[in-house]
C-alpha atoms as a PDB file:
ATOM      1  CA  MET A   1     100.934 109.113  95.368  1.00  0.00           C
ATOM      2  CA  GLU A   2      97.509 107.704  96.119  1.00  0.00           C
ATOM      3  CA  MET A   3      96.888 104.060  96.855  1.00  0.00           C
ATOM      4  CA  SER A   4      93.583 102.438  96.012  1.00  0.00           C
ATOM      5  CA  GLU A   5      93.945  99.539  98.460  1.00  0.00           C
ATOM      6  CA  ILE A   6      96.283  98.321 101.146  1.00  0.00           C
ATOM      7  CA  GLN A   7      96.991  94.628 101.602  1.00  0.00           C
ATOM      8  CA  ILE A   8      98.342  93.612 104.953  1.00  0.00           C
ATOM      9  CA  PRO A   9      99.695  90.146 105.588  1.00  0.00           C
ATOM     10  CA  LYS A  10      97.640  88.128 108.017  1.00  0.00           C
ATOM     11  CA  ASN A  11     100.622  87.951 110.372  1.00  0.00           C
ATOM     12  CA  LYS A  12     100.631  91.795 110.648  1.00  0.00           C
ATOM     13  CA  LEU A  13      96.956  92.046 111.584  1.00  0.00           C
ATOM     14  CA  LYS A  14      97.702  91.845 115.300  1.00  0.00           C
ATOM     15  CA  LEU A  15      99.854  94.982 115.021  1.00  0.00           C
ATOM     16  CA  PHE A  16      96.966  96.902 113.431  1.00  0.00           C
ATOM     17  CA  LEU A  17      94.507  95.680 116.050  1.00  0.00           C
ATOM     18  CA  LYS A  18      96.871  96.640 118.866  1.00  0.00           C
ATOM     19  CA  GLU A  19      97.342 100.172 117.531  1.00  0.00           C
ATOM     20  CA  PHE A  20      93.568 100.630 117.179  1.00  0.00           C
ATOM     21  CA  PHE A  21      93.083  99.347 120.719  1.00  0.00           C
ATOM     22  CA  ASP A  22      95.800 101.690 122.019  1.00  0.00           C
ATOM     23  CA  LEU A  23      94.106 104.623 120.246  1.00  0.00           C
ATOM     24  CA  ASP A  24      90.789 103.802 121.943  1.00  0.00           C
ATOM     25  CA  ASN A  25      92.557 103.619 125.298  1.00  0.00           C
ATOM     26  CA  LEU A  26      94.419 106.888 124.712  1.00  0.00           C
ATOM     27  CA  PHE A  27      91.187 108.852 124.490  1.00  0.00           C
ATOM     28  CA  ILE A  28      89.625 107.048 127.456  1.00  0.00           C
ATOM     29  CA  GLU A  29      92.710 107.654 129.598  1.00  0.00           C
ATOM     30  CA  ASN A  30      92.957 111.309 128.575  1.00  0.00           C
ATOM     31  CA  TYR A  31      89.310 111.992 129.400  1.00  0.00           C
ATOM     32  CA  GLN A  32      89.694 110.256 132.757  1.00  0.00           C
ATOM     33  CA  LYS A  33      92.768 112.386 133.527  1.00  0.00           C
ATOM     34  CA  VAL A  34      90.931 115.666 132.917  1.00  0.00           C
ATOM     35  CA  LYS A  35      87.498 114.712 134.269  1.00  0.00           C
ATOM     36  CA  GLY A  36      86.581 117.082 137.085  1.00  0.00           C
ATOM     37  CA  LYS A  37      90.014 118.701 137.032  1.00  0.00           C
ATOM     38  CA  ASN A  38      91.279 121.990 135.747  1.00  0.00           C
ATOM     39  CA  ILE A  39      94.003 120.486 133.570  1.00  0.00           C
ATOM     40  CA  LYS A  40      94.560 120.329 129.824  1.00  0.00           C
ATOM     41  CA  ILE A  41      96.139 117.658 127.698  1.00  0.00           C
ATOM     42  CA  LYS A  42      97.569 118.780 124.372  1.00  0.00           C
ATOM     43  CA  GLU A  43      97.925 116.268 121.563  1.00  0.00           C
ATOM     44  CA  ILE A  44      98.730 116.106 117.869  1.00  0.00           C
ATOM     45  CA  GLY A  45      96.795 113.933 115.449  1.00  0.00           C
ATOM     46  CA  PHE A  46      95.141 113.665 112.072  1.00  0.00           C
ATOM     47  CA  LEU A  47      91.520 114.281 111.226  1.00  0.00           C
ATOM     48  CA  ILE A  48      89.973 111.616 109.004  1.00  0.00           C
ATOM     49  CA  ASP A  49      86.487 110.713 107.857  1.00  0.00           C
ATOM     50  CA  LYS A  50      84.819 108.611 110.567  1.00  0.00           C
ATOM     51  CA  LYS A  51      83.061 106.386 108.021  1.00  0.00           C
ATOM     52  CA  CYS A  52      86.370 105.524 106.341  1.00  0.00           C
ATOM     53  CA  PHE A  53      87.893 104.639 109.710  1.00  0.00           C
ATOM     54  CA  ASP A  54      84.846 102.584 110.700  1.00  0.00           C
ATOM     55  CA  ASP A  55      85.021 100.735 107.366  1.00  0.00           C
ATOM     56  CA  ILE A  56      88.640  99.756 108.040  1.00  0.00           C
ATOM     57  CA  LYS A  57      87.803  98.604 111.559  1.00  0.00           C
ATOM     58  CA  GLU A  58      84.957  96.513 110.158  1.00  0.00           C
ATOM     59  CA  LYS A  59      87.161  95.041 107.419  1.00  0.00           C
ATOM     60  CA  LEU A  60      89.717  94.030 110.076  1.00  0.00           C
ATOM     61  CA  SER A  61      86.935  92.666 112.353  1.00  0.00           C
ATOM     62  CA  TYR A  62      88.156  94.996 115.086  1.00  0.00           C
ATOM     63  CA  SER A  63      85.055  94.654 117.275  1.00  0.00           C
ATOM     64  CA  GLU A  64      85.480  90.863 117.367  1.00  0.00           C
ATOM     65  CA  PHE A  65      89.161  91.030 118.274  1.00  0.00           C
ATOM     66  CA  LYS A  66      88.986  93.985 120.668  1.00  0.00           C
ATOM     67  CA  LYS A  67      87.915  91.865 123.621  1.00  0.00           C
ATOM     68  CA  TYR A  68      91.120  89.806 123.215  1.00  0.00           C
ATOM     69  CA  ALA A  69      93.467  92.773 122.848  1.00  0.00           C
ATOM     70  CA  ASN A  70      95.307  91.841 126.039  1.00  0.00           C
ATOM     71  CA  ASP A  71      95.357  88.110 125.325  1.00  0.00           C
ATOM     72  CA  ASP A  72      97.986  87.609 122.614  1.00  0.00           C
ATOM     73  CA  LYS A  73      97.546  83.851 122.403  1.00  0.00           C
ATOM     74  CA  ARG A  74      93.770  83.983 121.999  1.00  0.00           C
ATOM     75  CA  CYS A  75      94.026  86.849 119.524  1.00  0.00           C
ATOM     76  CA  GLU A  76      96.455  84.883 117.356  1.00  0.00           C
ATOM     77  CA  GLU A  77      94.195  81.815 117.505  1.00  0.00           C
ATOM     78  CA  MET A  78      91.212  83.915 116.422  1.00  0.00           C
ATOM     79  CA  ILE A  79      93.157  85.459 113.549  1.00  0.00           C
ATOM     80  CA  LYS A  80      94.078  81.980 112.301  1.00  0.00           C
ATOM     81  CA  GLU A  81      90.459  80.832 112.605  1.00  0.00           C
ATOM     82  CA  HIS A  82      88.866  83.961 111.168  1.00  0.00           C
ATOM     83  CA  TYR A  83      91.291  84.371 108.250  1.00  0.00           C
ATOM     84  CA  GLU A  84      92.100  80.680 107.790  1.00  0.00           C
ATOM     85  CA  ASN A  85      92.131  80.700 103.988  1.00  0.00           C
ATOM     86  CA  MET A  86      93.493  84.210 103.516  1.00  0.00           C
ATOM     87  CA  ASN A  87      97.076  85.389 103.405  1.00  0.00           C
ATOM     88  CA  TYR A  88      96.188  89.085 103.158  1.00  0.00           C
ATOM     89  CA  ILE A  89      93.488  91.407 104.430  1.00  0.00           C
ATOM     90  CA  THR A  90      92.649  94.217 102.024  1.00  0.00           C
ATOM     91  CA  PHE A  91      91.134  97.595 102.832  1.00  0.00           C
ATOM     92  CA  ILE A  92      90.785 101.048 101.313  1.00  0.00           C
ATOM     93  CA  PRO A  93      93.055 103.496 103.156  1.00  0.00           C
ATOM     94  CA  CYS A  94      91.965 106.854 104.564  1.00  0.00           C
ATOM     95  CA  GLU A  95      93.027 110.346 103.662  1.00  0.00           C
ATOM     96  CA  GLN A  96      93.374 112.984 106.319  1.00  0.00           C
ATOM     97  CA  LYS A  97      90.973 115.887 106.051  1.00  0.00           C
ATOM     98  CA  ILE A  98      92.619 119.252 105.812  1.00  0.00           C
ATOM     99  CA  PHE A  99      90.517 122.341 106.421  1.00  0.00           C
ATOM    100  CA  LYS A 100      91.833 125.838 105.807  1.00  0.00           C
ATOM    101  CA  THR A 101      89.753 127.330 108.605  1.00  0.00           C
ATOM    102  CA  SER A 102      87.756 126.169 111.590  1.00  0.00           C
ATOM    103  CA  LYS A 103      84.689 127.665 109.875  1.00  0.00           C
ATOM    104  CA  GLU A 104      85.221 125.253 106.977  1.00  0.00           C
ATOM    105  CA  LEU A 105      85.284 122.327 109.436  1.00  0.00           C
ATOM    106  CA  GLU A 106      82.188 123.641 111.198  1.00  0.00           C
ATOM    107  CA  GLU A 107      80.287 123.902 107.901  1.00  0.00           C
ATOM    108  CA  SER A 108      81.277 120.368 106.973  1.00  0.00           C
ATOM    109  CA  ILE A 109      80.033 119.033 110.316  1.00  0.00           C
ATOM    110  CA  LYS A 110      76.746 120.954 109.912  1.00  0.00           C
ATOM    111  CA  LYS A 111      76.269 119.095 106.617  1.00  0.00           C
ATOM    112  CA  GLY A 112      76.367 115.807 108.534  1.00  0.00           C
ATOM    113  CA  ASN A 113      79.987 114.823 107.954  1.00  0.00           C
ATOM    114  CA  GLU A 114      81.720 113.145 110.865  1.00  0.00           C
ATOM    115  CA  TYR A 115      85.417 112.992 111.597  1.00  0.00           C
ATOM    116  CA  ILE A 116      87.681 111.232 114.051  1.00  0.00           C
ATOM    117  CA  ILE A 117      91.111 112.141 115.318  1.00  0.00           C
ATOM    118  CA  ILE A 118      93.750 109.453 115.008  1.00  0.00           C
ATOM    119  CA  ASN A 119      97.279 109.422 116.319  1.00  0.00           C
ATOM    120  CA  ASN A 120     100.461 109.240 114.264  1.00  0.00           C
ATOM    121  CA  LEU A 121     100.915 105.477 114.686  1.00  0.00           C
ATOM    122  CA  VAL A 122      97.454 104.649 113.322  1.00  0.00           C
ATOM    123  CA  TRP A 123      97.841 107.235 110.568  1.00  0.00           C
ATOM    124  CA  LYS A 124     101.029 105.515 109.381  1.00  0.00           C
ATOM    125  CA  LEU A 125      99.121 102.225 109.105  1.00  0.00           C
ATOM    126  CA  ILE A 126      96.010 103.425 107.267  1.00  0.00           C
ATOM    127  CA  ASN A 127      96.837 106.586 105.289  1.00  0.00           C
ATOM    128  CA  ASN A 128      96.455 106.596 101.537  1.00  0.00           C
ATOM    129  CA  GLY A 129      99.780 108.269 100.820  1.00  0.00           C
ATOM    130  CA  LYS A 130      98.349 111.479  99.357  1.00  0.00           C
ATOM    131  CA  TYR A 131      99.827 113.690 102.062  1.00  0.00           C
ATOM    132  CA  LYS A 132     103.136 113.561 103.855  1.00  0.00           C
ATOM    133  CA  GLU A 133     103.301 113.093 107.602  1.00  0.00           C
ATOM    134  CA  ASN A 134     103.904 116.787 108.269  1.00  0.00           C
ATOM    135  CA  GLU A 135     100.849 117.839 106.233  1.00  0.00           C
ATOM    136  CA  GLY A 136      97.485 118.059 107.882  1.00  0.00           C
ATOM    137  CA  LYS A 137      98.534 117.504 111.469  1.00  0.00           C
ATOM    138  CA  ILE A 138      96.117 119.056 113.908  1.00  0.00           C
ATOM    139  CA  PHE A 139      96.862 120.266 117.366  1.00  0.00           C
ATOM    140  CA  TYR A 140      94.058 119.751 119.815  1.00  0.00           C
ATOM    141  CA  GLU A 141      93.401 120.045 123.500  1.00  0.00           C
ATOM    142  CA  ILE A 142      91.324 117.963 125.860  1.00  0.00           C
ATOM    143  CA  ASN A 143      90.058 119.591 129.026  1.00  0.00           C
ATOM    144  CA  ASN A 144      87.216 119.030 131.474  1.00  0.00           C
ATOM    145  CA  GLU A 145      84.670 120.638 129.155  1.00  0.00           C
ATOM    146  CA  TYR A 146      85.846 120.381 125.537  1.00  0.00           C
ATOM    147  CA  LEU A 147      87.958 118.627 122.996  1.00  0.00           C
END
């Protein structure tokens, strides 16, 4: 099942923004934990096209709302102001990228394609429904030198 668009009610936008903010913080916190240390953090996520993810963030005005992520009242006020005449926000969902081999991923990156890793919570909000949750999960590791 593939969806062409997702419509989220304006009153659910704050949930999306919070999950995006938490994803940003997850990577920052993980890199800070391993910086200069000989430890590894293992995670599970989904690889998606960076442009698709950036398009969703732009459609939801994420950069404008990000600075108010910890101020619920101000965030709600801004949502009302920004989406005053809209009941729904519509965006095109993402599909996780599934590569059969790491060489396939490497070749794709060499061609200029960019990808981002998202966590399960964000994936549930923005996936296009083509794959099930257990398909396409990637296991990755963050250490002092590499992702």
